[in-house]
């Protein structure tokens, strides 16, 4: 259920941004299009506010986990283990096919006579 609300909320935000962008590029003399876009934008913003309220009501604050205490007693938090992908990775080496150093000549000359 939460994923559906998140997806719907994201789509509504995108639609509002698209309408705002479309409204910015409306020709000056096209009052009918401008008015229609403003009406649609107001409706989309209203829907977005309702979705945000539903989303906020659906999310519950998570309880705080107690902080880990060092066995040494100094009170500092335990260092987290760095994941394998988290550190610096050496770049992958690309294998480039190497040409032979001196091409063999079979009696043919490249110069024309």
PDB file of N, CA and C in Angstrom:
ATOM      1  N   UNK A   1       0.826  -1.191   0.000  1.00  0.00           N
ATOM      2  CA  UNK A   1       0.000   0.000   0.000  1.00  0.00           C
ATOM      3  C   UNK A   1       0.867   1.250   0.000  1.00  0.00           C
ATOM      4  N   UNK A   2       1.925   1.239   0.795  1.00  0.00           N
ATOM      5  CA  UNK A   2       2.783   2.421   0.884  1.00  0.00           C
ATOM      6  C   UNK A   2       3.491   2.682  -0.432  1.00  0.00           C
ATOM      7  N   UNK A   3       3.876   1.611  -1.129  1.00  0.00           N
ATOM      8  CA  UNK A   3       4.545   1.790  -2.417  1.00  0.00           C
ATOM      9  C   UNK A   3       3.607   2.432  -3.425  1.00  0.00           C
ATOM     10  N   UNK A   4       2.336   2.032  -3.391  1.00  0.00           N
ATOM     11  CA  UNK A   4       1.351   2.600  -4.307  1.00  0.00           C
ATOM     12  C   UNK A   4       1.187   4.083  -4.046  1.00  0.00           C
ATOM     13  N   UNK A   5       1.111   4.463  -2.784  1.00  0.00           N
ATOM     14  CA  UNK A   5       0.959   5.874  -2.435  1.00  0.00           C
ATOM     15  C   UNK A   5       2.208   6.642  -2.834  1.00  0.00           C
ATOM     16  N   UNK A   6       3.390   6.074  -2.597  1.00  0.00           N
ATOM     17  CA  UNK A   6       4.632   6.735  -2.997  1.00  0.00           C
ATOM     18  C   UNK A   6       4.673   6.954  -4.498  1.00  0.00           C
ATOM     19  N   UNK A   7       4.302   5.945  -5.252  1.00  0.00           N
ATOM     20  CA  UNK A   7       4.319   6.046  -6.707  1.00  0.00           C
ATOM     21  C   UNK A   7       3.308   7.076  -7.190  1.00  0.00           C
ATOM     22  N   UNK A   8       2.131   7.056  -6.602  1.00  0.00           N
ATOM     23  CA  UNK A   8       1.095   8.011  -6.990  1.00  0.00           C
ATOM     24  C   UNK A   8       1.517   9.436  -6.638  1.00  0.00           C
ATOM     25  N   UNK A   9       2.136   9.597  -5.491  1.00  0.00           N
ATOM     26  CA  UNK A   9       2.613  10.908  -5.066  1.00  0.00           C
ATOM     27  C   UNK A   9       3.693  11.417  -6.006  1.00  0.00           C
ATOM     28  N   UNK A  10       4.606  10.559  -6.386  1.00  0.00           N
ATOM     29  CA  UNK A  10       5.675  10.945  -7.307  1.00  0.00           C
ATOM     30  C   UNK A  10       5.109  11.340  -8.660  1.00  0.00           C
ATOM     31  N   UNK A  11       4.169  10.562  -9.151  1.00  0.00           N
ATOM     32  CA  UNK A  11       3.552  10.890 -10.442  1.00  0.00           C
ATOM     33  C   UNK A  11       2.823  12.221 -10.386  1.00  0.00           C
ATOM     34  N   UNK A  12       2.122  12.478  -9.289  1.00  0.00           N
ATOM     35  CA  UNK A  12       1.400  13.743  -9.148  1.00  0.00           C
ATOM     36  C   UNK A  12       2.373  14.918  -9.131  1.00  0.00           C
ATOM     37  N   UNK A  13       3.519  14.758  -8.441  1.00  0.00           N
ATOM     38  CA  UNK A  13       4.521  15.822  -8.418  1.00  0.00           C
ATOM     39  C   UNK A  13       5.075  16.088  -9.813  1.00  0.00           C
ATOM     40  N   UNK A  14       5.308  15.027 -10.563  1.00  0.00           N
ATOM     41  CA  UNK A  14       5.822  15.176 -11.929  1.00  0.00           C
ATOM     42  C   UNK A  14       4.798  15.884 -12.805  1.00  0.00           C
ATOM     43  N   UNK A  15       3.532  15.515 -12.663  1.00  0.00           N
ATOM     44  CA  UNK A  15       2.484  16.154 -13.461  1.00  0.00           C
ATOM     45  C   UNK A  15       2.390  17.642 -13.159  1.00  0.00           C
ATOM     46  N   UNK A  16       2.513  18.017 -11.895  1.00  0.00           N
ATOM     47  CA  UNK A  16       2.467  19.431 -11.520  1.00  0.00           C
ATOM     48  C   UNK A  16       3.649  20.174 -12.137  1.00  0.00           C
ATOM     49  N   UNK A  17       4.833  19.586 -12.061  1.00  0.00           N
ATOM     50  CA  UNK A  17       6.012  20.239 -12.651  1.00  0.00           C
ATOM     51  C   UNK A  17       5.878  20.378 -14.161  1.00  0.00           C
ATOM     52  N   UNK A  18       5.326  19.357 -14.814  1.00  0.00           N
ATOM     53  CA  UNK A  18       5.141  19.431 -16.263  1.00  0.00           C
ATOM     54  C   UNK A  18       4.157  20.531 -16.636  1.00  0.00           C
ATOM     55  N   UNK A  19       3.065  20.642 -15.871  1.00  0.00           N
ATOM     56  CA  UNK A  19       2.094  21.698 -16.156  1.00  0.00           C
ATOM     57  C   UNK A  19       2.690  23.079 -15.910  1.00  0.00           C
ATOM     58  N   UNK A  20       3.483  23.213 -14.853  1.00  0.00           N
ATOM     59  CA  UNK A  20       4.137  24.502 -14.597  1.00  0.00           C
ATOM     60  C   UNK A  20       5.087  24.864 -15.728  1.00  0.00           C
ATOM     61  N   UNK A  21       5.836  23.886 -16.213  1.00  0.00           N
ATOM     62  CA  UNK A  21       6.754  24.139 -17.324  1.00  0.00           C
ATOM     63  C   UNK A  21       5.981  24.492 -18.589  1.00  0.00           C
ATOM     64  N   UNK A  22       4.874  23.801 -18.835  1.00  0.00           N
ATOM     65  CA  UNK A  22       4.056  24.083 -20.021  1.00  0.00           C
ATOM     66  C   UNK A  22       3.444  25.475 -19.931  1.00  0.00           C
ATOM     67  N   UNK A  23       3.055  25.885 -18.741  1.00  0.00           N
ATOM     68  CA  UNK A  23       2.454  27.203 -18.542  1.00  0.00           C
ATOM     69  C   UNK A  23       3.458  28.321 -18.803  1.00  0.00           C
ATOM     70  N   UNK A  24       4.741  28.049 -18.538  1.00  0.00           N
ATOM     71  CA  UNK A  24       5.772  29.075 -18.763  1.00  0.00           C
ATOM     72  C   UNK A  24       6.007  29.358 -20.238  1.00  0.00           C
ATOM     73  N   UNK A  25       5.721  28.400 -21.112  1.00  0.00           N
ATOM     74  CA  UNK A  25       6.022  28.582 -22.531  1.00  0.00           C
ATOM     75  C   UNK A  25       4.776  28.840 -23.376  1.00  0.00           C
ATOM     76  N   UNK A  26       3.652  29.154 -22.729  1.00  0.00           N
ATOM     77  CA  UNK A  26       2.429  29.459 -23.473  1.00  0.00           C
ATOM     78  C   UNK A  26       2.603  30.810 -24.160  1.00  0.00           C
ATOM     79  N   UNK A  27       2.207  30.927 -25.432  1.00  0.00           N
ATOM     80  CA  UNK A  27       2.289  32.233 -26.107  1.00  0.00           C
ATOM     81  C   UNK A  27       1.454  33.284 -25.380  1.00  0.00           C
ATOM     82  N   UNK A  28       1.896  34.526 -25.457  1.00  0.00           N
ATOM     83  CA  UNK A  28       1.257  35.620 -24.717  1.00  0.00           C
ATOM     84  C   UNK A  28      -0.212  35.811 -25.107  1.00  0.00           C
ATOM     85  N   UNK A  29      -0.536  35.641 -26.377  1.00  0.00           N
ATOM     86  CA  UNK A  29      -1.898  35.944 -26.831  1.00  0.00           C
ATOM     87  C   UNK A  29      -2.850  34.751 -26.725  1.00  0.00           C
ATOM     88  N   UNK A  30      -2.398  33.613 -26.249  1.00  0.00           N
ATOM     89  CA  UNK A  30      -3.251  32.427 -26.158  1.00  0.00           C
ATOM     90  C   UNK A  30      -3.863  32.344 -24.757  1.00  0.00           C
ATOM     91  N   UNK A  31      -4.896  33.159 -24.552  1.00  0.00           N
ATOM     92  CA  UNK A  31      -5.526  33.229 -23.228  1.00  0.00           C
ATOM     93  C   UNK A  31      -6.299  31.958 -22.897  1.00  0.00           C
ATOM     94  N   UNK A  32      -6.899  31.345 -23.901  1.00  0.00           N
ATOM     95  CA  UNK A  32      -7.706  30.150 -23.654  1.00  0.00           C
ATOM     96  C   UNK A  32      -6.837  28.995 -23.155  1.00  0.00           C
ATOM     97  N   UNK A  33      -5.695  28.777 -23.803  1.00  0.00           N
ATOM     98  CA  UNK A  33      -4.782  27.719 -23.372  1.00  0.00           C
ATOM     99  C   UNK A  33      -4.209  28.028 -21.995  1.00  0.00           C
ATOM    100  N   UNK A  34      -3.852  29.284 -21.785  1.00  0.00           N
ATOM    101  CA  UNK A  34      -3.286  29.685 -20.502  1.00  0.00           C
ATOM    102  C   UNK A  34      -4.282  29.451 -19.369  1.00  0.00           C
ATOM    103  N   UNK A  35      -5.532  29.820 -19.598  1.00  0.00           N
ATOM    104  CA  UNK A  35      -6.557  29.642 -18.573  1.00  0.00           C
ATOM    105  C   UNK A  35      -6.816  28.160 -18.307  1.00  0.00           C
ATOM    106  N   UNK A  36      -6.828  27.348 -19.361  1.00  0.00           N
ATOM    107  CA  UNK A  36      -7.044  25.908 -19.195  1.00  0.00           C
ATOM    108  C   UNK A  36      -5.897  25.280 -18.410  1.00  0.00           C
ATOM    109  N   UNK A  37      -4.673  25.700 -18.700  1.00  0.00           N
ATOM    110  CA  UNK A  37      -3.518  25.159 -17.974  1.00  0.00           C
ATOM    111  C   UNK A  37      -3.542  25.576 -16.508  1.00  0.00           C
ATOM    112  N   UNK A  38      -3.952  26.811 -16.242  1.00  0.00           N
ATOM    113  CA  UNK A  38      -4.035  27.270 -14.845  1.00  0.00           C
ATOM    114  C   UNK A  38      -5.078  26.466 -14.066  1.00  0.00           C
ATOM    115  N   UNK A  39      -6.209  26.198 -14.714  1.00  0.00           N
ATOM    116  CA  UNK A  39      -7.257  25.408 -14.060  1.00  0.00           C
ATOM    117  C   UNK A  39      -6.764  23.990 -13.780  1.00  0.00           C
ATOM    118  N   UNK A  40      -6.122  23.390 -14.777  1.00  0.00           N
ATOM    119  CA  UNK A  40      -5.593  22.033 -14.595  1.00  0.00           C
ATOM    120  C   UNK A  40      -4.514  22.009 -13.516  1.00  0.00           C
ATOM    121  N   UNK A  41      -3.675  23.042 -13.488  1.00  0.00           N
ATOM    122  CA  UNK A  41      -2.610  23.117 -12.489  1.00  0.00           C
ATOM    123  C   UNK A  41      -3.191  23.241 -11.086  1.00  0.00           C
ATOM    124  N   UNK A  42      -4.241  24.038 -10.934  1.00  0.00           N
ATOM    125  CA  UNK A  42      -4.873  24.178  -9.622  1.00  0.00           C
ATOM    126  C   UNK A  42      -5.459  22.841  -9.163  1.00  0.00           C
ATOM    127  N   UNK A  43      -6.084  22.109 -10.087  1.00  0.00           N
ATOM    128  CA  UNK A  43      -6.658  20.805  -9.734  1.00  0.00           C
ATOM    129  C   UNK A  43      -5.560  19.812  -9.364  1.00  0.00           C
ATOM    130  N   UNK A  44      -4.467  19.822 -10.118  1.00  0.00           N
ATOM    131  CA  UNK A  44      -3.358  18.896  -9.833  1.00  0.00           C
ATOM    132  C   UNK A  44      -2.712  19.220  -8.489  1.00  0.00           C
ATOM    133  N   UNK A  45      -2.555  20.513  -8.195  1.00  0.00           N
ATOM    134  CA  UNK A  45      -1.954  20.899  -6.907  1.00  0.00           C
ATOM    135  C   UNK A  45      -2.855  20.481  -5.746  1.00  0.00           C
ATOM    136  N   UNK A  46      -4.163  20.615  -5.930  1.00  0.00           N
ATOM    137  CA  UNK A  46      -5.103  20.199  -4.895  1.00  0.00           C
ATOM    138  C   UNK A  46      -4.994  18.695  -4.656  1.00  0.00           C
ATOM    139  N   UNK A  47      -4.929  17.928  -5.738  1.00  0.00           N
ATOM    140  CA  UNK A  47      -4.782  16.473  -5.634  1.00  0.00           C
ATOM    141  C   UNK A  47      -3.458  16.106  -4.970  1.00  0.00           C
ATOM    142  N   UNK A  48      -2.401  16.851  -5.313  1.00  0.00           N
ATOM    143  CA  UNK A  48      -1.090  16.595  -4.727  1.00  0.00           C
ATOM    144  C   UNK A  48      -1.111  16.840  -3.220  1.00  0.00           C
ATOM    145  N   UNK A  49      -1.775  17.902  -2.789  1.00  0.00           N
ATOM    146  CA  UNK A  49      -1.864  18.181  -1.354  1.00  0.00           C
ATOM    147  C   UNK A  49      -2.617  17.066  -0.623  1.00  0.00           C
ATOM    148  N   UNK A  50      -3.692  16.555  -1.239  1.00  0.00           N
ATOM    149  CA  UNK A  50      -4.434  15.451  -0.621  1.00  0.00           C
ATOM    150  C   UNK A  50      -3.564  14.200  -0.514  1.00  0.00           C
ATOM    151  N   UNK A  51      -2.811  13.917  -1.588  1.00  0.00           N
ATOM    152  CA  UNK A  51      -1.933  12.744  -1.559  1.00  0.00           C
ATOM    153  C   UNK A  51      -0.844  12.891  -0.504  1.00  0.00           C
ATOM    154  N   UNK A  52      -0.318  14.092  -0.363  1.00  0.00           N
ATOM    155  CA  UNK A  52       0.709  14.321   0.669  1.00  0.00           C
ATOM    156  C   UNK A  52       0.138  14.108   2.061  1.00  0.00           C
ATOM    157  N   UNK A  53      -1.103  14.549   2.263  1.00  0.00           N
ATOM    158  CA  UNK A  53      -1.735  14.353   3.568  1.00  0.00           C
ATOM    159  C   UNK A  53      -1.943  12.865   3.846  1.00  0.00           C
ATOM    160  N   UNK A  54      -2.377  12.122   2.824  1.00  0.00           N
ATOM    161  CA  UNK A  54      -2.562  10.675   2.983  1.00  0.00           C
ATOM    162  C   UNK A  54      -1.225  10.000   3.265  1.00  0.00           C
ATOM    163  N   UNK A  55      -0.202  10.432   2.542  1.00  0.00           N
ATOM    164  CA  UNK A  55       1.126   9.849   2.716  1.00  0.00           C
ATOM    165  C   UNK A  55       1.662  10.135   4.115  1.00  0.00           C
ATOM    166  N   UNK A  56       1.462  11.365   4.589  1.00  0.00           N
ATOM    167  CA  UNK A  56       1.950  11.727   5.922  1.00  0.00           C
ATOM    168  C   UNK A  56       1.191  10.958   7.002  1.00  0.00           C
ATOM    169  N   UNK A  57      -0.097  10.723   6.786  1.00  0.00           N
ATOM    170  CA  UNK A  57      -0.878   9.981   7.774  1.00  0.00           C
ATOM    171  C   UNK A  57      -0.490   8.507   7.785  1.00  0.00           C
ATOM    172  N   UNK A  58      -0.059   7.998   6.637  1.00  0.00           N
ATOM    173  CA  UNK A  58       0.296   6.585   6.540  1.00  0.00           C
ATOM    174  C   UNK A  58       1.639   6.255   7.134  1.00  0.00           C
ATOM    175  N   UNK A  59       2.532   7.221   7.166  1.00  0.00           N
ATOM    176  CA  UNK A  59       3.867   6.952   7.706  1.00  0.00           C
ATOM    177  C   UNK A  59       3.851   7.169   9.211  1.00  0.00           C
ATOM    178  N   UNK A  60       4.420   6.239   9.904  1.00  0.00           N
ATOM    179  CA  UNK A  60       4.484   6.327  11.360  1.00  0.00           C
ATOM    180  C   UNK A  60       5.926   6.590  11.760  1.00  0.00           C
ATOM    181  N   UNK A  61       6.145   7.400  12.770  1.00  0.00           N
ATOM    182  CA  UNK A  61       7.524   7.611  13.215  1.00  0.00           C
ATOM    183  C   UNK A  61       8.088   6.328  13.799  1.00  0.00           C
ATOM    184  N   UNK A  62       9.269   6.005  13.382  1.00  0.00           N
ATOM    185  CA  UNK A  62       9.920   4.783  13.862  1.00  0.00           C
ATOM    186  C   UNK A  62      10.558   5.033  15.225  1.00  0.00           C
ATOM    187  N   UNK A  63      10.476   4.061  16.122  1.00  0.00           N
ATOM    188  CA  UNK A  63      11.103   4.247  17.433  1.00  0.00           C
ATOM    189  C   UNK A  63      12.626   4.254  17.297  1.00  0.00           C
ATOM    190  N   UNK A  64      13.255   5.065  18.111  1.00  0.00           N
ATOM    191  CA  UNK A  64      14.714   5.170  18.092  1.00  0.00           C
ATOM    192  C   UNK A  64      15.309   3.906  18.697  1.00  0.00           C
ATOM    193  N   UNK A  65      16.327   3.376  18.016  1.00  0.00           N
ATOM    194  CA  UNK A  65      17.033   2.217  18.564  1.00  0.00           C
ATOM    195  C   UNK A  65      18.056   2.717  19.585  1.00  0.00           C
ATOM    196  N   UNK A  66      18.262   1.967  20.657  1.00  0.00           N
ATOM    197  CA  UNK A  66      19.263   2.399  21.638  1.00  0.00           C
ATOM    198  C   UNK A  66      20.660   2.368  21.019  1.00  0.00           C
ATOM    199  N   UNK A  67      21.446   3.355  21.377  1.00  0.00           N
ATOM    200  CA  UNK A  67      22.801   3.449  20.835  1.00  0.00           C
ATOM    201  C   UNK A  67      23.654   2.312  21.381  1.00  0.00           C
ATOM    202  N   UNK A  68      24.514   1.791  20.535  1.00  0.00           N
ATOM    203  CA  UNK A  68      25.408   0.710  20.952  1.00  0.00           C
ATOM    204  C   UNK A  68      26.489   1.281  21.865  1.00  0.00           C
ATOM    205  N   UNK A  69      26.781   0.551  22.906  1.00  0.00           N
ATOM    206  CA  UNK A  69      27.795   1.004  23.856  1.00  0.00           C
ATOM    207  C   UNK A  69      29.027   0.134  23.681  1.00  0.00           C
ATOM    208  N   UNK A  70      30.180   0.785  23.643  1.00  0.00           N
ATOM    209  CA  UNK A  70      31.452   0.078  23.512  1.00  0.00           C
ATOM    210  C   UNK A  70      31.717  -0.732  24.780  1.00  0.00           C
ATOM    211  N   UNK A  71      32.274  -1.919  24.642  1.00  0.00           N
ATOM    212  CA  UNK A  71      32.615  -2.687  25.847  1.00  0.00           C
ATOM    213  C   UNK A  71      33.682  -1.987  26.686  1.00  0.00           C
ATOM    214  N   UNK A  72      34.448  -1.085  26.070  1.00  0.00           N
ATOM    215  CA  UNK A  72      35.478  -0.363  26.817  1.00  0.00           C
ATOM    216  C   UNK A  72      34.857   0.628  27.788  1.00  0.00           C
ATOM    217  N   UNK A  73      33.605   1.023  27.511  1.00  0.00           N
ATOM    218  CA  UNK A  73      32.939   1.930  28.425  1.00  0.00           C
ATOM    219  C   UNK A  73      33.174   3.395  28.113  1.00  0.00           C
ATOM    220  N   UNK A  74      33.790   3.720  26.973  1.00  0.00           N
ATOM    221  CA  UNK A  74      34.029   5.129  26.685  1.00  0.00           C
ATOM    222  C   UNK A  74      32.789   5.800  26.085  1.00  0.00           C
ATOM    223  N   UNK A  75      31.751   5.019  25.752  1.00  0.00           N
ATOM    224  CA  UNK A  75      30.495   5.595  25.296  1.00  0.00           C
ATOM    225  C   UNK A  75      30.461   5.936  23.814  1.00  0.00           C
ATOM    226  N   UNK A  76      31.551   5.751  23.122  1.00  0.00           N
ATOM    227  CA  UNK A  76      31.523   6.061  21.689  1.00  0.00           C
ATOM    228  C   UNK A  76      30.807   4.935  20.954  1.00  0.00           C
ATOM    229  N   UNK A  77      30.188   5.300  19.823  1.00  0.00           N
ATOM    230  CA  UNK A  77      29.455   4.293  19.058  1.00  0.00           C
ATOM    231  C   UNK A  77      30.425   3.343  18.374  1.00  0.00           C
ATOM    232  N   UNK A  78      29.958   2.139  18.164  1.00  0.00           N
ATOM    233  CA  UNK A  78      30.773   1.164  17.458  1.00  0.00           C
ATOM    234  C   UNK A  78      30.920   1.594  16.007  1.00  0.00           C
ATOM    235  N   UNK A  79      32.102   1.408  15.497  1.00  0.00           N
ATOM    236  CA  UNK A  79      32.296   1.772  14.093  1.00  0.00           C
ATOM    237  C   UNK A  79      31.573   0.760  13.228  1.00  0.00           C
ATOM    238  N   UNK A  80      30.933   1.278  12.201  1.00  0.00           N
ATOM    239  CA  UNK A  80      30.206   0.384  11.305  1.00  0.00           C
ATOM    240  C   UNK A  80      31.164  -0.223  10.304  1.00  0.00           C
ATOM    241  N   UNK A  81      30.867  -1.425   9.942  1.00  0.00           N
ATOM    242  CA  UNK A  81      31.703  -2.111   8.966  1.00  0.00           C
ATOM    243  C   UNK A  81      31.436  -1.509   7.592  1.00  0.00           C
ATOM    244  N   UNK A  82      32.483  -1.140   6.899  1.00  0.00           N
ATOM    245  CA  UNK A  82      32.350  -0.549   5.581  1.00  0.00           C
ATOM    246  C   UNK A  82      32.038  -1.660   4.591  1.00  0.00           C
ATOM    247  N   UNK A  83      30.987  -1.491   3.798  1.00  0.00           N
ATOM    248  CA  UNK A  83      30.669  -2.544   2.834  1.00  0.00           C
ATOM    249  C   UNK A  83      31.751  -2.668   1.779  1.00  0.00           C
ATOM    250  N   UNK A  84      31.769  -3.809   1.126  1.00  0.00           N
ATOM    251  CA  UNK A  84      32.810  -4.097   0.144  1.00  0.00           C
ATOM    252  C   UNK A  84      32.809  -3.046  -0.956  1.00  0.00           C
ATOM    253  N   UNK A  85      31.628  -2.624  -1.382  1.00  0.00           N
ATOM    254  CA  UNK A  85      31.548  -1.666  -2.479  1.00  0.00           C
ATOM    255  C   UNK A  85      31.723  -0.231  -2.016  1.00  0.00           C
ATOM    256  N   UNK A  86      31.818   0.007  -0.718  1.00  0.00           N
ATOM    257  CA  UNK A  86      31.834   1.364  -0.203  1.00  0.00           C
ATOM    258  C   UNK A  86      33.148   2.085  -0.359  1.00  0.00           C
ATOM    259  N   UNK A  87      34.242   1.372  -0.399  1.00  0.00           N
ATOM    260  CA  UNK A  87      35.541   2.016  -0.489  1.00  0.00           C
ATOM    261  C   UNK A  87      35.935   2.340  -1.910  1.00  0.00           C
ATOM    262  N   UNK A  88      37.166   2.725  -2.092  1.00  0.00           N
ATOM    263  CA  UNK A  88      37.685   3.042  -3.421  1.00  0.00           C
ATOM    264  C   UNK A  88      37.882   1.761  -4.209  1.00  0.00           C
ATOM    265  N   UNK A  89      37.396   1.764  -5.417  1.00  0.00           N
ATOM    266  CA  UNK A  89      37.581   0.591  -6.273  1.00  0.00           C
ATOM    267  C   UNK A  89      38.601   0.917  -7.337  1.00  0.00           C
ATOM    268  N   UNK A  90      39.494   0.000  -7.560  1.00  0.00           N
ATOM    269  CA  UNK A  90      40.462   0.204  -8.633  1.00  0.00           C
ATOM    270  C   UNK A  90      39.738   0.062  -9.956  1.00  0.00           C
ATOM    271  N   UNK A  91      40.085   0.888 -10.919  1.00  0.00           N
ATOM    272  CA  UNK A  91      39.390   0.801 -12.203  1.00  0.00           C
ATOM    273  C   UNK A  91      39.671  -0.526 -12.888  1.00  0.00           C
ATOM    274  N   UNK A  92      38.707  -0.976 -13.634  1.00  0.00           N
ATOM    275  CA  UNK A  92      38.881  -2.229 -14.357  1.00  0.00           C
ATOM    276  C   UNK A  92      39.885  -2.025 -15.478  1.00  0.00           C
ATOM    277  N   UNK A  93      40.732  -3.000 -15.671  1.00  0.00           N
ATOM    278  CA  UNK A  93      41.729  -2.896 -16.734  1.00  0.00           C
ATOM    279  C   UNK A  93      41.125  -3.419 -18.020  1.00  0.00           C
ATOM    280  N   UNK A  94      41.279  -2.649 -19.057  1.00  0.00           N
ATOM    281  CA  UNK A  94      40.768  -3.066 -20.354  1.00  0.00           C
ATOM    282  C   UNK A  94      41.865  -3.765 -21.126  1.00  0.00           C
ATOM    283  N   UNK A  95      41.502  -4.827 -21.737  1.00  0.00           N
ATOM    284  CA  UNK A  95      42.488  -5.532 -22.549  1.00  0.00           C
ATOM    285  C   UNK A  95      42.366  -5.038 -23.977  1.00  0.00           C
ATOM    286  N   UNK A  96      43.452  -4.494 -24.483  1.00  0.00           N
ATOM    287  CA  UNK A  96      43.494  -3.985 -25.845  1.00  0.00           C
ATOM    288  C   UNK A  96      44.323  -4.948 -26.661  1.00  0.00           C
ATOM    289  N   UNK A  97      43.794  -5.413 -27.767  1.00  0.00           N
ATOM    290  CA  UNK A  97      44.592  -6.341 -28.580  1.00  0.00           C
ATOM    291  C   UNK A  97      45.850  -5.648 -29.093  1.00  0.00           C
ATOM    292  N   UNK A  98      46.975  -6.282 -28.873  1.00  0.00           N
ATOM    293  CA  UNK A  98      48.254  -5.705 -29.270  1.00  0.00           C
ATOM    294  C   UNK A  98      48.611  -6.147 -30.678  1.00  0.00           C
ATOM    295  N   UNK A  99      49.105  -5.203 -31.465  1.00  0.00           N
ATOM    296  CA  UNK A  99      49.568  -5.539 -32.812  1.00  0.00           C
ATOM    297  C   UNK A  99      50.992  -6.065 -32.737  1.00  0.00           C
ATOM    298  N   UNK A 100      51.353  -6.812 -33.735  1.00  0.00           N
ATOM    299  CA  UNK A 100      52.736  -7.286 -33.773  1.00  0.00           C
ATOM    300  C   UNK A 100      53.640  -6.097 -34.039  1.00  0.00           C
ATOM    301  N   UNK A 101      54.846  -6.161 -33.522  1.00  0.00           N
ATOM    302  CA  UNK A 101      55.742  -5.000 -33.610  1.00  0.00           C
ATOM    303  C   UNK A 101      56.175  -4.694 -35.038  1.00  0.00           C
ATOM    304  N   UNK A 102      56.452  -5.710 -35.877  1.00  0.00           N
ATOM    305  CA  UNK A 102      56.890  -5.465 -37.252  1.00  0.00           C
ATOM    306  C   UNK A 102      56.084  -6.354 -38.186  1.00  0.00           C
ATOM    307  N   UNK A 103      55.281  -5.746 -39.042  1.00  0.00           N
ATOM    308  CA  UNK A 103      54.523  -6.578 -39.978  1.00  0.00           C
ATOM    309  C   UNK A 103      55.465  -7.251 -40.971  1.00  0.00           C
ATOM    310  N   UNK A 104      55.178  -8.483 -41.290  1.00  0.00           N
ATOM    311  CA  UNK A 104      56.029  -9.230 -42.219  1.00  0.00           C
ATOM    312  C   UNK A 104      55.689  -8.840 -43.647  1.00  0.00           C
ATOM    313  N   UNK A 105      56.725  -8.688 -44.465  1.00  0.00           N
ATOM    314  CA  UNK A 105      56.512  -8.355 -45.874  1.00  0.00           C
ATOM    315  C   UNK A 105      56.639  -9.629 -46.686  1.00  0.00           C
ATOM    316  N   UNK A 106      55.760  -9.795 -47.635  1.00  0.00           N
ATOM    317  CA  UNK A 106      55.778 -11.007 -48.457  1.00  0.00           C
ATOM    318  C   UNK A 106      56.214 -10.684 -49.877  1.00  0.00           C
ATOM    319  N   UNK A 107      57.135  -9.779 -49.994  1.00  0.00           N
ATOM    320  CA  UNK A 107      57.646  -9.446 -51.313  1.00  0.00           C
ATOM    321  C   UNK A 107      56.848  -8.349 -52.000  1.00  0.00           C
ATOM    322  N   UNK A 108      55.765  -7.936 -51.437  1.00  0.00           N
ATOM    323  CA  UNK A 108      54.964  -6.886 -52.055  1.00  0.00           C
ATOM    324  C   UNK A 108      55.432  -5.546 -51.523  1.00  0.00           C
ATOM    325  N   UNK A 109      55.507  -4.619 -52.395  1.00  0.00           N
ATOM    326  CA  UNK A 109      55.944  -3.282 -52.029  1.00  0.00           C
ATOM    327  C   UNK A 109      54.742  -2.354 -52.062  1.00  0.00           C
ATOM    328  N   UNK A 110      54.699  -1.417 -51.142  1.00  0.00           N
ATOM    329  CA  UNK A 110      53.581  -0.491 -51.093  1.00  0.00           C
ATOM    330  C   UNK A 110      53.752   0.663 -52.076  1.00  0.00           C
ATOM    331  N   UNK A 111      54.950   0.870 -52.569  1.00  0.00           N
ATOM    332  CA  UNK A 111      55.177   1.970 -53.516  1.00  0.00           C
ATOM    333  C   UNK A 111      54.852   1.509 -54.918  1.00  0.00           C
ATOM    334  N   UNK A 112      54.280   2.411 -55.704  1.00  0.00           N
ATOM    335  CA  UNK A 112      53.943   2.080 -57.090  1.00  0.00           C
ATOM    336  C   UNK A 112      55.132   2.334 -57.991  1.00  0.00           C
ATOM    337  N   UNK A 113      55.202   1.576 -59.022  1.00  0.00           N
ATOM    338  CA  UNK A 113      56.291   1.756 -59.984  1.00  0.00           C
ATOM    339  C   UNK A 113      55.790   2.438 -61.218  1.00  0.00           C
TER     340      UNK A 113
END
